[in-house]
Amino acid sequence: MRMFCFHCRDGEDGGKRRSIHREAHLKYIADKAEHLVIAGPLKRADGLIIGSLLIVKAEDEAGARAVLDDDPYLTGGVWQSIRVDEFSPLLGDWA
């Protein structure tokens, strides 16, 4: 199983949209937990949430993207941009 890192940046009204979709998003990722290595918010130095980082386990990138296709933060317009890269740990708990 491969791992794919999703670096998701919020749009300008991300905070507002997050508050609307947060509960549904948390339920969604809990339901997808078997596919997730880790998931959590990205924050600025002042604590403001500016995005999300998720590492998804899948056979390929298309499968990893499919895991998040219906995430309320995606469908609700919280995330303005998403960068996906394969992640291959070399050292640490996941290596």
PDB file of N, CA and C in Angstrom:
ATOM      1  N   MET A   1       0.847  -1.177   0.000  1.00  0.00           N
ATOM      2  CA  MET A   1       0.000   0.000   0.000  1.00  0.00           C
ATOM      3  C   MET A   1       0.892   1.240   0.000  1.00  0.00           C
ATOM      4  N   ARG A   2       0.585   2.175  -0.856  1.00  0.00           N
ATOM      5  CA  ARG A   2       1.345   3.424  -0.958  1.00  0.00           C
ATOM      6  C   ARG A   2       0.649   4.511  -0.136  1.00  0.00           C
ATOM      7  N   MET A   3       1.385   5.599   0.113  1.00  0.00           N
ATOM      8  CA  MET A   3       0.824   6.723   0.856  1.00  0.00           C
ATOM      9  C   MET A   3       0.892   7.979  -0.002  1.00  0.00           C
ATOM     10  N   PHE A   4      -0.181   8.790   0.094  1.00  0.00           N
ATOM     11  CA  PHE A   4      -0.272  10.027  -0.659  1.00  0.00           C
ATOM     12  C   PHE A   4      -0.610  11.168   0.285  1.00  0.00           C
ATOM     13  N   CYS A   5       0.190  12.224   0.193  1.00  0.00           N
ATOM     14  CA  CYS A   5       0.045  13.390   1.046  1.00  0.00           C
ATOM     15  C   CYS A   5      -0.818  14.435   0.337  1.00  0.00           C
ATOM     16  N   PHE A   6      -1.898  14.830   0.981  1.00  0.00           N
ATOM     17  CA  PHE A   6      -2.791  15.865   0.470  1.00  0.00           C
ATOM     18  C   PHE A   6      -2.545  17.130   1.281  1.00  0.00           C
ATOM     19  N   HIS A   7      -2.037  18.152   0.626  1.00  0.00           N
ATOM     20  CA  HIS A   7      -1.793  19.452   1.253  1.00  0.00           C
ATOM     21  C   HIS A   7      -2.901  20.366   0.730  1.00  0.00           C
ATOM     22  N   CYS A   8      -3.900  20.603   1.563  1.00  0.00           N
ATOM     23  CA  CYS A   8      -5.107  21.314   1.153  1.00  0.00           C
ATOM     24  C   CYS A   8      -5.112  22.708   1.760  1.00  0.00           C
ATOM     25  N   ARG A   9      -5.166  23.728   0.915  1.00  0.00           N
ATOM     26  CA  ARG A   9      -5.178  25.120   1.393  1.00  0.00           C
ATOM     27  C   ARG A   9      -6.588  25.681   1.283  1.00  0.00           C
ATOM     28  N   ASP A  10      -6.998  26.371   2.346  1.00  0.00           N
ATOM     29  CA  ASP A  10      -8.324  26.984   2.366  1.00  0.00           C
ATOM     30  C   ASP A  10      -8.383  28.205   1.461  1.00  0.00           C
ATOM     31  N   GLY A  11      -9.590  28.513   1.001  1.00  0.00           N
ATOM     32  CA  GLY A  11      -9.831  29.741   0.272  1.00  0.00           C
ATOM     33  C   GLY A  11      -9.986  30.903   1.245  1.00  0.00           C
ATOM     34  N   GLU A  12     -10.230  32.074   0.715  1.00  0.00           N
ATOM     35  CA  GLU A  12     -10.325  33.280   1.540  1.00  0.00           C
ATOM     36  C   GLU A  12     -11.433  33.200   2.579  1.00  0.00           C
ATOM     37  N   ASP A  13     -12.521  32.516   2.288  1.00  0.00           N
ATOM     38  CA  ASP A  13     -13.601  32.375   3.262  1.00  0.00           C
ATOM     39  C   ASP A  13     -13.589  30.988   3.910  1.00  0.00           C
ATOM     40  N   GLY A  14     -12.392  30.406   3.993  1.00  0.00           N
ATOM     41  CA  GLY A  14     -12.237  29.066   4.554  1.00  0.00           C
ATOM     42  C   GLY A  14     -12.747  28.932   5.975  1.00  0.00           C
ATOM     43  N   GLY A  15     -12.487  29.934   6.808  1.00  0.00           N
ATOM     44  CA  GLY A  15     -12.934  29.869   8.198  1.00  0.00           C
ATOM     45  C   GLY A  15     -14.445  29.762   8.308  1.00  0.00           C
ATOM     46  N   LYS A  16     -15.134  30.566   7.535  1.00  0.00           N
ATOM     47  CA  LYS A  16     -16.600  30.543   7.527  1.00  0.00           C
ATOM     48  C   LYS A  16     -17.111  29.197   7.022  1.00  0.00           C
ATOM     49  N   ARG A  17     -16.541  28.743   5.907  1.00  0.00           N
ATOM     50  CA  ARG A  17     -16.974  27.467   5.333  1.00  0.00           C
ATOM     51  C   ARG A  17     -16.616  26.288   6.244  1.00  0.00           C
ATOM     52  N   ARG A  18     -15.460  26.362   6.915  1.00  0.00           N
ATOM     53  CA  ARG A  18     -15.086  25.311   7.866  1.00  0.00           C
ATOM     54  C   ARG A  18     -16.139  25.167   8.957  1.00  0.00           C
ATOM     55  N   SER A  19     -16.588  26.301   9.491  1.00  0.00           N
ATOM     56  CA  SER A  19     -17.568  26.232  10.578  1.00  0.00           C
ATOM     57  C   SER A  19     -18.875  25.594  10.100  1.00  0.00           C
ATOM     58  N   ILE A  20     -19.232  25.817   8.866  1.00  0.00           N
ATOM     59  CA  ILE A  20     -20.456  25.232   8.304  1.00  0.00           C
ATOM     60  C   ILE A  20     -20.309  23.727   8.112  1.00  0.00           C
ATOM     61  N   HIS A  21     -19.153  23.283   7.629  1.00  0.00           N
ATOM     62  CA  HIS A  21     -18.970  21.886   7.212  1.00  0.00           C
ATOM     63  C   HIS A  21     -18.168  21.028   8.193  1.00  0.00           C
ATOM     64  N   ARG A  22     -17.707  21.605   9.306  1.00  0.00           N
ATOM     65  CA  ARG A  22     -16.797  20.897  10.215  1.00  0.00           C
ATOM     66  C   ARG A  22     -17.372  19.573  10.727  1.00  0.00           C
ATOM     67  N   GLU A  23     -18.578  19.593  11.248  1.00  0.00           N
ATOM     68  CA  GLU A  23     -19.165  18.376  11.813  1.00  0.00           C
ATOM     69  C   GLU A  23     -19.260  17.264  10.767  1.00  0.00           C
ATOM     70  N   ALA A  24     -19.733  17.602   9.582  1.00  0.00           N
ATOM     71  CA  ALA A  24     -19.861  16.606   8.506  1.00  0.00           C
ATOM     72  C   ALA A  24     -18.481  16.112   8.061  1.00  0.00           C
ATOM     73  N   HIS A  25     -17.496  17.017   8.005  1.00  0.00           N
ATOM     74  CA  HIS A  25     -16.131  16.628   7.634  1.00  0.00           C
ATOM     75  C   HIS A  25     -15.553  15.642   8.644  1.00  0.00           C
ATOM     76  N   LEU A  26     -15.707  15.943   9.937  1.00  0.00           N
ATOM     77  CA  LEU A  26     -15.165  15.061  10.973  1.00  0.00           C
ATOM     78  C   LEU A  26     -15.814  13.679  10.920  1.00  0.00           C
ATOM     79  N   LYS A  27     -17.111  13.627  10.669  1.00  0.00           N
ATOM     80  CA  LYS A  27     -17.779  12.330  10.513  1.00  0.00           C
ATOM     81  C   LYS A  27     -17.252  11.608   9.285  1.00  0.00           C
ATOM     82  N   TYR A  28     -17.072  12.350   8.205  1.00  0.00           N
ATOM     83  CA  TYR A  28     -16.592  11.754   6.954  1.00  0.00           C
ATOM     84  C   TYR A  28     -15.217  11.127   7.147  1.00  0.00           C
ATOM     85  N   ILE A  29     -14.282  11.870   7.736  1.00  0.00           N
ATOM     86  CA  ILE A  29     -12.941  11.298   7.885  1.00  0.00           C
ATOM     87  C   ILE A  29     -12.923  10.164   8.912  1.00  0.00           C
ATOM     88  N   ALA A  30     -13.797  10.218   9.908  1.00  0.00           N
ATOM     89  CA  ALA A  30     -13.901   9.095  10.853  1.00  0.00           C
ATOM     90  C   ALA A  30     -14.367   7.838  10.114  1.00  0.00           C
ATOM     91  N   ASP A  31     -15.308   8.013   9.194  1.00  0.00           N
ATOM     92  CA  ASP A  31     -15.799   6.879   8.401  1.00  0.00           C
ATOM     93  C   ASP A  31     -14.735   6.343   7.438  1.00  0.00           C
ATOM     94  N   LYS A  32     -13.767   7.177   7.072  1.00  0.00           N
ATOM     95  CA  LYS A  32     -12.693   6.782   6.152  1.00  0.00           C
ATOM     96  C   LYS A  32     -11.393   6.453   6.884  1.00  0.00           C
ATOM     97  N   ALA A  33     -11.430   6.323   8.200  1.00  0.00           N
ATOM     98  CA  ALA A  33     -10.226   6.169   9.021  1.00  0.00           C
ATOM     99  C   ALA A  33      -9.322   5.030   8.555  1.00  0.00           C
ATOM    100  N   GLU A  34      -9.882   3.958   8.040  1.00  0.00           N
ATOM    101  CA  GLU A  34      -9.067   2.831   7.595  1.00  0.00           C
ATOM    102  C   GLU A  34      -8.131   3.208   6.446  1.00  0.00           C
ATOM    103  N   HIS A  35      -8.462   4.296   5.734  1.00  0.00           N
ATOM    104  CA  HIS A  35      -7.651   4.757   4.604  1.00  0.00           C
ATOM    105  C   HIS A  35      -6.677   5.870   4.972  1.00  0.00           C
ATOM    106  N   LEU A  36      -6.778   6.385   6.196  1.00  0.00           N
ATOM    107  CA  LEU A  36      -5.981   7.545   6.594  1.00  0.00           C
ATOM    108  C   LEU A  36      -4.836   7.146   7.521  1.00  0.00           C
ATOM    109  N   VAL A  37      -3.661   7.678   7.226  1.00  0.00           N
ATOM    110  CA  VAL A  37      -2.509   7.517   8.112  1.00  0.00           C
ATOM    111  C   VAL A  37      -2.572   8.608   9.180  1.00  0.00           C
ATOM    112  N   ILE A  38      -2.893   9.815   8.726  1.00  0.00           N
ATOM    113  CA  ILE A  38      -3.004  10.966   9.621  1.00  0.00           C
ATOM    114  C   ILE A  38      -3.834  12.032   8.929  1.00  0.00           C
ATOM    115  N   ALA A  39      -4.505  12.856   9.727  1.00  0.00           N
ATOM    116  CA  ALA A  39      -5.277  13.974   9.186  1.00  0.00           C
ATOM    117  C   ALA A  39      -5.366  15.051  10.259  1.00  0.00           C
ATOM    118  N   GLY A  40      -5.249  16.302   9.829  1.00  0.00           N
ATOM    119  CA  GLY A  40      -5.369  17.390  10.787  1.00  0.00           C
ATOM    120  C   GLY A  40      -5.215  18.739  10.116  1.00  0.00           C
ATOM    121  N   PRO A  41      -5.477  19.788  10.895  1.00  0.00           N
ATOM    122  CA  PRO A  41      -5.420  21.144  10.345  1.00  0.00           C
ATOM    123  C   PRO A  41      -3.999  21.669  10.198  1.00  0.00           C
ATOM    124  N   LEU A  42      -3.827  22.562   9.246  1.00  0.00           N
ATOM    125  CA  LEU A  42      -2.606  23.349   9.096  1.00  0.00           C
ATOM    126  C   LEU A  42      -2.891  24.717   9.695  1.00  0.00           C
ATOM    127  N   LYS A  43      -1.962  25.236  10.500  1.00  0.00           N
ATOM    128  CA  LYS A  43      -2.195  26.508  11.188  1.00  0.00           C
ATOM    129  C   LYS A  43      -1.055  27.482  10.954  1.00  0.00           C
ATOM    130  N   ARG A  44      -1.407  28.764  10.950  1.00  0.00           N
ATOM    131  CA  ARG A  44      -0.399  29.822  10.942  1.00  0.00           C
ATOM    132  C   ARG A  44       0.183  29.935  12.351  1.00  0.00           C
ATOM    133  N   ALA A  45       1.212  30.746  12.485  1.00  0.00           N
ATOM    134  CA  ALA A  45       1.858  30.944  13.785  1.00  0.00           C
ATOM    135  C   ALA A  45       0.887  31.474  14.834  1.00  0.00           C
ATOM    136  N   ASP A  46      -0.118  32.250  14.404  1.00  0.00           N
ATOM    137  CA  ASP A  46      -1.087  32.812  15.348  1.00  0.00           C
ATOM    138  C   ASP A  46      -2.236  31.850  15.662  1.00  0.00           C
ATOM    139  N   GLY A  47      -2.178  30.625  15.124  1.00  0.00           N
ATOM    140  CA  GLY A  47      -3.187  29.614  15.410  1.00  0.00           C
ATOM    141  C   GLY A  47      -4.339  29.543  14.426  1.00  0.00           C
ATOM    142  N   LEU A  48      -4.420  30.479  13.489  1.00  0.00           N
ATOM    143  CA  LEU A  48      -5.500  30.468  12.505  1.00  0.00           C
ATOM    144  C   LEU A  48      -5.347  29.258  11.578  1.00  0.00           C
ATOM    145  N   ILE A  49      -6.400  28.493  11.420  1.00  0.00           N
ATOM    146  CA  ILE A  49      -6.379  27.332  10.520  1.00  0.00           C
ATOM    147  C   ILE A  49      -6.431  27.818   9.080  1.00  0.00           C
ATOM    148  N   ILE A  50      -5.478  27.335   8.282  1.00  0.00           N
ATOM    149  CA  ILE A  50      -5.372  27.765   6.882  1.00  0.00           C
ATOM    150  C   ILE A  50      -5.485  26.612   5.889  1.00  0.00           C
ATOM    151  N   GLY A  51      -5.700  25.406   6.398  1.00  0.00           N
ATOM    152  CA  GLY A  51      -5.796  24.264   5.505  1.00  0.00           C
ATOM    153  C   GLY A  51      -5.792  22.957   6.270  1.00  0.00           C
ATOM    154  N   SER A  52      -5.557  21.887   5.535  1.00  0.00           N
ATOM    155  CA  SER A  52      -5.552  20.549   6.116  1.00  0.00           C
ATOM    156  C   SER A  52      -4.429  19.724   5.496  1.00  0.00           C
ATOM    157  N   LEU A  53      -3.911  18.797   6.283  1.00  0.00           N
ATOM    158  CA  LEU A  53      -2.929  17.831   5.799  1.00  0.00           C
ATOM    159  C   LEU A  53      -3.496  16.447   6.057  1.00  0.00           C
ATOM    160  N   LEU A  54      -3.550  15.640   5.013  1.00  0.00           N
ATOM    161  CA  LEU A  54      -4.039  14.274   5.136  1.00  0.00           C
ATOM    162  C   LEU A  54      -3.067  13.359   4.410  1.00  0.00           C
ATOM    163  N   ILE A  55      -2.762  12.236   5.009  1.00  0.00           N
ATOM    164  CA  ILE A  55      -1.977  11.209   4.329  1.00  0.00           C
ATOM    165  C   ILE A  55      -2.888  10.001   4.178  1.00  0.00           C
ATOM    166  N   VAL A  56      -3.106   9.633   2.914  1.00  0.00           N
ATOM    167  CA  VAL A  56      -4.064   8.601   2.552  1.00  0.00           C
ATOM    168  C   VAL A  56      -3.324   7.363   2.040  1.00  0.00           C
ATOM    169  N   LYS A  57      -3.756   6.194   2.515  1.00  0.00           N
ATOM    170  CA  LYS A  57      -3.224   4.917   2.026  1.00  0.00           C
ATOM    171  C   LYS A  57      -4.080   4.439   0.855  1.00  0.00           C
ATOM    172  N   ALA A  58      -3.425   4.093  -0.252  1.00  0.00           N
ATOM    173  CA  ALA A  58      -4.155   3.607  -1.423  1.00  0.00           C
ATOM    174  C   ALA A  58      -3.190   2.906  -2.367  1.00  0.00           C
ATOM    175  N   GLU A  59      -3.735   2.175  -3.308  1.00  0.00           N
ATOM    176  CA  GLU A  59      -2.933   1.477  -4.314  1.00  0.00           C
ATOM    177  C   GLU A  59      -2.276   2.458  -5.281  1.00  0.00           C
ATOM    178  N   ASP A  60      -2.972   3.556  -5.587  1.00  0.00           N
ATOM    179  CA  ASP A  60      -2.451   4.545  -6.531  1.00  0.00           C
ATOM    180  C   ASP A  60      -3.081   5.910  -6.225  1.00  0.00           C
ATOM    181  N   GLU A  61      -2.630   6.933  -6.928  1.00  0.00           N
ATOM    182  CA  GLU A  61      -3.119   8.282  -6.668  1.00  0.00           C
ATOM    183  C   GLU A  61      -4.617   8.405  -6.934  1.00  0.00           C
ATOM    184  N   ALA A  62      -5.087   7.753  -7.976  1.00  0.00           N
ATOM    185  CA  ALA A  62      -6.521   7.826  -8.275  1.00  0.00           C
ATOM    186  C   ALA A  62      -7.340   7.247  -7.119  1.00  0.00           C
ATOM    187  N   GLY A  63      -6.873   6.160  -6.546  1.00  0.00           N
ATOM    188  CA  GLY A  63      -7.565   5.569  -5.400  1.00  0.00           C
ATOM    189  C   GLY A  63      -7.520   6.470  -4.186  1.00  0.00           C
ATOM    190  N   ALA A  64      -6.391   7.141  -3.985  1.00  0.00           N
ATOM    191  CA  ALA A  64      -6.262   8.070  -2.859  1.00  0.00           C
ATOM    192  C   ALA A  64      -7.217   9.249  -3.041  1.00  0.00           C
ATOM    193  N   ARG A  65      -7.275   9.782  -4.239  1.00  0.00           N
ATOM    194  CA  ARG A  65      -8.185  10.898  -4.511  1.00  0.00           C
ATOM    195  C   ARG A  65      -9.638  10.481  -4.299  1.00  0.00           C
ATOM    196  N   ALA A  66      -9.970   9.251  -4.665  1.00  0.00           N
ATOM    197  CA  ALA A  66     -11.339   8.754  -4.515  1.00  0.00           C
ATOM    198  C   ALA A  66     -11.765   8.719  -3.047  1.00  0.00           C
ATOM    199  N   VAL A  67     -10.817   8.491  -2.141  1.00  0.00           N
ATOM    200  CA  VAL A  67     -11.129   8.468  -0.712  1.00  0.00           C
ATOM    201  C   VAL A  67     -11.697   9.816  -0.269  1.00  0.00           C
ATOM    202  N   LEU A  68     -11.205  10.904  -0.858  1.00  0.00           N
ATOM    203  CA  LEU A  68     -11.616  12.243  -0.429  1.00  0.00           C
ATOM    204  C   LEU A  68     -12.641  12.904  -1.347  1.00  0.00           C
ATOM    205  N   ASP A  69     -13.074  12.208  -2.382  1.00  0.00           N
ATOM    206  CA  ASP A  69     -13.997  12.795  -3.368  1.00  0.00           C
ATOM    207  C   ASP A  69     -15.238  13.442  -2.763  1.00  0.00           C
ATOM    208  N   ASP A  70     -15.791  12.859  -1.723  1.00  0.00           N
ATOM    209  CA  ASP A  70     -17.036  13.362  -1.150  1.00  0.00           C
ATOM    210  C   ASP A  70     -16.839  14.047   0.190  1.00  0.00           C
ATOM    211  N   ASP A  71     -15.583  14.390   0.522  1.00  0.00           N
ATOM    212  CA  ASP A  71     -15.316  15.080   1.783  1.00  0.00           C
ATOM    213  C   ASP A  71     -16.039  16.431   1.775  1.00  0.00           C
ATOM    214  N   PRO A  72     -16.806  16.735   2.820  1.00  0.00           N
ATOM    215  CA  PRO A  72     -17.531  18.007   2.868  1.00  0.00           C
ATOM    216  C   PRO A  72     -16.642  19.250   2.756  1.00  0.00           C
ATOM    217  N   TYR A  73     -15.380  19.144   3.155  1.00  0.00           N
ATOM    218  CA  TYR A  73     -14.487  20.294   2.966  1.00  0.00           C
ATOM    219  C   TYR A  73     -14.156  20.484   1.490  1.00  0.00           C
ATOM    220  N   LEU A  74     -14.154  19.417   0.724  1.00  0.00           N
ATOM    221  CA  LEU A  74     -13.935  19.525  -0.717  1.00  0.00           C
ATOM    222  C   LEU A  74     -15.216  19.962  -1.413  1.00  0.00           C
ATOM    223  N   THR A  75     -16.292  19.245  -1.165  1.00  0.00           N
ATOM    224  CA  THR A  75     -17.556  19.557  -1.848  1.00  0.00           C
ATOM    225  C   THR A  75     -18.162  20.877  -1.373  1.00  0.00           C
ATOM    226  N   GLY A  76     -17.821  21.305  -0.151  1.00  0.00           N
ATOM    227  CA  GLY A  76     -18.343  22.549   0.398  1.00  0.00           C
ATOM    228  C   GLY A  76     -17.489  23.766   0.108  1.00  0.00           C
ATOM    229  N   GLY A  77     -16.407  23.580  -0.652  1.00  0.00           N
ATOM    230  CA  GLY A  77     -15.588  24.705  -1.071  1.00  0.00           C
ATOM    231  C   GLY A  77     -14.652  25.269  -0.022  1.00  0.00           C
ATOM    232  N   VAL A  78     -14.369  24.504   1.038  1.00  0.00           N
ATOM    233  CA  VAL A  78     -13.411  24.970   2.050  1.00  0.00           C
ATOM    234  C   VAL A  78     -12.019  25.036   1.440  1.00  0.00           C
ATOM    235  N   TRP A  79     -11.616  23.949   0.800  1.00  0.00           N
ATOM    236  CA  TRP A  79     -10.278  23.874   0.216  1.00  0.00           C
ATOM    237  C   TRP A  79     -10.271  24.537  -1.158  1.00  0.00           C
ATOM    238  N   GLN A  80      -9.388  25.529  -1.311  1.00  0.00           N
ATOM    239  CA  GLN A  80      -9.251  26.238  -2.576  1.00  0.00           C
ATOM    240  C   GLN A  80      -8.279  25.518  -3.503  1.00  0.00           C
ATOM    241  N   SER A  81      -7.239  24.933  -2.913  1.00  0.00           N
ATOM    242  CA  SER A  81      -6.258  24.210  -3.728  1.00  0.00           C
ATOM    243  C   SER A  81      -5.808  22.966  -2.982  1.00  0.00           C
ATOM    244  N   ILE A  82      -5.505  21.935  -3.750  1.00  0.00           N
ATOM    245  CA  ILE A  82      -5.041  20.672  -3.180  1.00  0.00           C
ATOM    246  C   ILE A  82      -3.832  20.207  -3.980  1.00  0.00           C
ATOM    247  N   ARG A  83      -2.754  19.960  -3.261  1.00  0.00           N
ATOM    248  CA  ARG A  83      -1.564  19.389  -3.888  1.00  0.00           C
ATOM    249  C   ARG A  83      -1.441  17.956  -3.376  1.00  0.00           C
ATOM    250  N   VAL A  84      -1.226  17.025  -4.293  1.00  0.00           N
ATOM    251  CA  VAL A  84      -1.101  15.614  -3.931  1.00  0.00           C
ATOM    252  C   VAL A  84       0.261  15.115  -4.382  1.00  0.00           C
ATOM    253  N   ASP A  85       0.988  14.516  -3.432  1.00  0.00           N
ATOM    254  CA  ASP A  85       2.287  13.931  -3.731  1.00  0.00           C
ATOM    255  C   ASP A  85       2.375  12.575  -3.045  1.00  0.00           C
ATOM    256  N   GLU A  86       3.055  11.642  -3.696  1.00  0.00           N
ATOM    257  CA  GLU A  86       3.299  10.375  -3.015  1.00  0.00           C
ATOM    258  C   GLU A  86       4.301  10.614  -1.893  1.00  0.00           C
ATOM    259  N   PHE A  87       4.078   9.945  -0.788  1.00  0.00           N
ATOM    260  CA  PHE A  87       4.927  10.088   0.396  1.00  0.00           C
ATOM    261  C   PHE A  87       5.575   8.730   0.674  1.00  0.00           C
ATOM    262  N   SER A  88       6.903   8.726   0.755  1.00  0.00           N
ATOM    263  CA  SER A  88       7.660   7.495   1.028  1.00  0.00           C
ATOM    264  C   SER A  88       8.557   7.732   2.243  1.00  0.00           C
ATOM    265  N   PRO A  89       8.069   7.395   3.432  1.00  0.00           N
ATOM    266  CA  PRO A  89       8.868   7.650   4.641  1.00  0.00           C
ATOM    267  C   PRO A  89      10.154   6.833   4.655  1.00  0.00           C
ATOM    268  N   LEU A  90      11.232   7.486   5.084  1.00  0.00           N
ATOM    269  CA  LEU A  90      12.520   6.836   5.159  1.00  0.00           C
ATOM    270  C   LEU A  90      12.976   6.613   6.598  1.00  0.00           C
ATOM    271  N   LEU A  91      12.448   7.429   7.515  1.00  0.00           N
ATOM    272  CA  LEU A  91      12.872   7.373   8.904  1.00  0.00           C
ATOM    273  C   LEU A  91      11.703   7.758   9.789  1.00  0.00           C
ATOM    274  N   GLY A  92      11.596   7.158  10.932  1.00  0.00           N
ATOM    275  CA  GLY A  92      10.530   7.510  11.868  1.00  0.00           C
ATOM    276  C   GLY A  92       9.504   6.431  12.023  1.00  0.00           C
ATOM    277  N   ASP A  93       8.409   6.785  12.661  1.00  0.00           N
ATOM    278  CA  ASP A  93       7.369   5.805  13.017  1.00  0.00           C
ATOM    279  C   ASP A  93       6.711   5.133  11.812  1.00  0.00           C
ATOM    280  N   TRP A  94       6.668   5.794  10.680  1.00  0.00           N
ATOM    281  CA  TRP A  94       5.985   5.242   9.524  1.00  0.00           C
ATOM    282  C   TRP A  94       6.918   4.538   8.556  1.00  0.00           C
ATOM    283  N   ALA A  95       8.203   4.560   8.823  1.00  0.00           N
ATOM    284  CA  ALA A  95       9.189   3.966   7.904  1.00  0.00           C
ATOM    285  C   ALA A  95       9.168   2.445   8.009  1.00  0.00           C
TER     286      ALA A  95
END
